[in-house]
C-alpha atoms as a PDB file:
ATOM      1  CA  MET A   1       1.822 135.211 217.562  1.00  0.00           C
ATOM      2  CA  LEU A   2      -1.250 132.991 217.468  1.00  0.00           C
ATOM      3  CA  ASN A   3      -4.793 134.326 217.711  1.00  0.00           C
ATOM      4  CA  PHE A   4      -7.958 132.269 217.863  1.00  0.00           C
ATOM      5  CA  ASN A   5      -9.724 134.598 215.417  1.00  0.00           C
ATOM      6  CA  ARG A   6      -9.811 138.260 214.426  1.00  0.00           C
ATOM      7  CA  LYS A   7     -11.805 139.163 217.557  1.00  0.00           C
ATOM      8  CA  ASP A   8      -9.235 137.572 219.894  1.00  0.00           C
ATOM      9  CA  THR A   9      -7.536 140.381 221.834  1.00  0.00           C
ATOM     10  CA  MET A  10      -5.811 138.295 224.500  1.00  0.00           C
ATOM     11  CA  GLN A  11      -2.316 138.458 223.028  1.00  0.00           C
ATOM     12  CA  HIS A  12      -2.606 142.190 222.379  1.00  0.00           C
ATOM     13  CA  ARG A  13      -3.726 142.763 225.963  1.00  0.00           C
ATOM     14  CA  PHE A  14      -0.627 140.892 227.126  1.00  0.00           C
ATOM     15  CA  LEU A  15       1.601 143.005 224.869  1.00  0.00           C
ATOM     16  CA  ASP A  16      -0.073 146.178 226.182  1.00  0.00           C
ATOM     17  CA  ALA A  17       1.199 145.291 229.669  1.00  0.00           C
ATOM     18  CA  TRP A  18       4.746 144.969 228.329  1.00  0.00           C
ATOM     19  CA  PHE A  19       4.695 147.957 225.979  1.00  0.00           C
ATOM     20  CA  PRO A  20       2.543 150.685 227.575  1.00  0.00           C
ATOM     21  CA  ASP A  21       3.890 153.329 225.166  1.00  0.00           C
ATOM     22  CA  GLY A  22       2.768 151.427 222.091  1.00  0.00           C
ATOM     23  CA  ARG A  23       2.808 147.721 221.428  1.00  0.00           C
ATOM     24  CA  PRO A  24       4.452 146.012 218.493  1.00  0.00           C
ATOM     25  CA  GLU A  25       2.353 144.218 215.888  1.00  0.00           C
ATOM     26  CA  PRO A  26       4.020 140.818 215.445  1.00  0.00           C
ATOM     27  CA  PRO A  27       3.070 138.512 212.590  1.00  0.00           C
ATOM     28  CA  CYS A  28      -0.107 136.653 213.485  1.00  0.00           C
ATOM     29  CA  THR A  29      -1.723 133.361 212.528  1.00  0.00           C
ATOM     30  CA  HIS A  30      -5.408 132.649 213.233  1.00  0.00           C
ATOM     31  CA  ILE A  31      -6.381 129.168 214.397  1.00  0.00           C
ATOM     32  CA  PRO A  32     -10.165 129.116 215.039  1.00  0.00           C
ATOM     33  CA  SER A  33     -10.301 125.730 216.764  1.00  0.00           C
ATOM     34  CA  SER A  34      -9.815 125.493 220.517  1.00  0.00           C
ATOM     35  CA  ALA A  35      -7.976 122.157 220.550  1.00  0.00           C
ATOM     36  CA  GLU A  36      -5.873 122.997 217.490  1.00  0.00           C
ATOM     37  CA  PHE A  37      -5.008 126.417 218.935  1.00  0.00           C
ATOM     38  CA  VAL A  38      -3.505 124.740 222.008  1.00  0.00           C
ATOM     39  CA  LYS A  39      -1.740 122.145 219.840  1.00  0.00           C
ATOM     40  CA  ALA A  40      -0.237 124.833 217.579  1.00  0.00           C
ATOM     41  CA  THR A  41       1.096 126.633 220.649  1.00  0.00           C
ATOM     42  CA  GLU A  42       2.549 123.396 222.040  1.00  0.00           C
ATOM     43  CA  LEU A  43       4.230 122.672 218.700  1.00  0.00           C
ATOM     44  CA  GLY A  44       5.898 126.085 218.775  1.00  0.00           C
ATOM     45  CA  LEU A  45       4.110 127.570 215.779  1.00  0.00           C
ATOM     46  CA  GLY A  46       3.780 130.773 217.789  1.00  0.00           C
ATOM     47  CA  TRP A  47       3.087 132.086 221.253  1.00  0.00           C
ATOM     48  CA  SER A  48      -0.362 132.623 222.730  1.00  0.00           C
ATOM     49  CA  MET A  49      -2.332 133.190 225.884  1.00  0.00           C
ATOM     50  CA  LEU A  50      -4.092 130.021 227.018  1.00  0.00           C
ATOM     51  CA  PRO A  51      -6.602 129.458 229.789  1.00  0.00           C
ATOM     52  CA  ASP A  52      -4.939 127.798 232.782  1.00  0.00           C
ATOM     53  CA  ILE A  53      -7.108 124.720 232.426  1.00  0.00           C
ATOM     54  CA  GLN A  54      -6.009 124.220 228.783  1.00  0.00           C
ATOM     55  CA  ALA A  55      -2.337 124.858 229.534  1.00  0.00           C
ATOM     56  CA  GLU A  56      -1.964 122.493 232.523  1.00  0.00           C
ATOM     57  CA  ASP A  57      -0.996 119.343 230.595  1.00  0.00           C
ATOM     58  CA  GLY A  58       1.386 121.154 228.247  1.00  0.00           C
ATOM     59  CA  LEU A  59       3.093 122.927 231.149  1.00  0.00           C
ATOM     60  CA  ALA A  60       3.466 119.686 233.123  1.00  0.00           C
ATOM     61  CA  ALA A  61       4.920 117.893 230.080  1.00  0.00           C
ATOM     62  CA  GLY A  62       7.275 120.756 229.189  1.00  0.00           C
ATOM     63  CA  ARG A  63       5.552 121.491 225.872  1.00  0.00           C
ATOM     64  CA  LEU A  64       4.573 124.968 227.124  1.00  0.00           C
ATOM     65  CA  VAL A  65       6.293 127.624 229.211  1.00  0.00           C
ATOM     66  CA  VAL A  66       4.869 130.580 231.097  1.00  0.00           C
ATOM     67  CA  LEU A  67       5.965 133.842 229.479  1.00  0.00           C
ATOM     68  CA  ASP A  68       5.303 136.090 232.473  1.00  0.00           C
ATOM     69  CA  ARG A  69       3.484 135.290 235.718  1.00  0.00           C
ATOM     70  CA  ARG A  70       3.357 139.007 236.618  1.00  0.00           C
ATOM     71  CA  HIS A  71       0.934 139.969 233.839  1.00  0.00           C
ATOM     72  CA  PRO A  72      -1.954 137.487 233.689  1.00  0.00           C
ATOM     73  CA  VAL A  73      -4.787 138.469 231.384  1.00  0.00           C
ATOM     74  CA  ASP A  74      -8.107 137.835 233.084  1.00  0.00           C
ATOM     75  CA  VAL A  75     -11.268 137.257 231.084  1.00  0.00           C
ATOM     76  CA  GLU A  76     -14.726 137.975 232.407  1.00  0.00           C
ATOM     77  CA  LEU A  77     -17.062 135.073 231.698  1.00  0.00           C
ATOM     78  CA  HIS A  78     -20.820 135.323 231.263  1.00  0.00           C
ATOM     79  CA  TRP A  79     -23.571 132.716 231.437  1.00  0.00           C
ATOM     80  CA  GLN A  80     -26.561 133.387 229.249  1.00  0.00           C
ATOM     81  CA  GLN A  81     -29.772 131.403 229.175  1.00  0.00           C
ATOM     82  CA  TRP A  82     -33.321 131.847 228.033  1.00  0.00           C
ATOM     83  CA  SER A  83     -35.579 133.887 230.256  1.00  0.00           C
ATOM     84  CA  VAL A  84     -38.095 131.032 230.270  1.00  0.00           C
ATOM     85  CA  ALA A  85     -38.481 129.768 233.825  1.00  0.00           C
ATOM     86  CA  SER A  86     -37.245 126.200 233.936  1.00  0.00           C
ATOM     87  CA  THR A  87     -36.157 124.065 236.849  1.00  0.00           C
ATOM     88  CA  ALA A  88     -33.743 122.188 234.585  1.00  0.00           C
ATOM     89  CA  LEU A  89     -32.088 125.396 233.307  1.00  0.00           C
ATOM     90  CA  SER A  90     -31.878 126.847 236.804  1.00  0.00           C
ATOM     91  CA  THR A  91     -30.239 123.637 238.038  1.00  0.00           C
ATOM     92  CA  VAL A  92     -27.701 123.677 235.210  1.00  0.00           C
ATOM     93  CA  ALA A  93     -26.914 127.367 235.783  1.00  0.00           C
ATOM     94  CA  ALA A  94     -26.408 126.813 239.518  1.00  0.00           C
ATOM     95  CA  ALA A  95     -24.135 123.814 238.895  1.00  0.00           C
ATOM     96  CA  LEU A  96     -22.135 125.769 236.341  1.00  0.00           C
ATOM     97  CA  ARG A  97     -21.672 128.748 238.682  1.00  0.00           C
ATOM     98  CA  HIS A  98     -20.609 126.418 241.503  1.00  0.00           C
ATOM     99  CA  GLU A  99     -18.068 124.530 239.376  1.00  0.00           C
ATOM    100  CA  ALA A 100     -16.723 127.691 237.762  1.00  0.00           C
ATOM    101  CA  ALA A 101     -16.154 129.221 241.202  1.00  0.00           C
ATOM    102  CA  ARG A 102     -14.312 126.063 242.240  1.00  0.00           C
ATOM    103  CA  VAL A 103     -11.952 125.629 239.253  1.00  0.00           C
ATOM    104  CA  LEU A 104     -11.464 129.110 237.788  1.00  0.00           C
ATOM    105  CA  ARG A 105      -9.336 131.743 239.412  1.00  0.00           C
END
């Protein structure tokens, strides 16, 4: 199993869906680099949960497979910015919310 870092709970949340009476603790490797985490998964160094947007190319090329479409693990995202009133920051935040709503499920 691959984890991004010690705070990454995505894979455990996936296992919780499969093993509601107590999940196994498979061997785990930490790869704290977003691009390298995806690459390690594609190379078969372990299994992991990847955001759809990062998995698209690997799935299309056959380097990745979907483990289970019935148990997606959703992640709540947050946007944080300074409380200083700024037209530029407000514009960026609005653009980010718009694009996130368009491309994220």
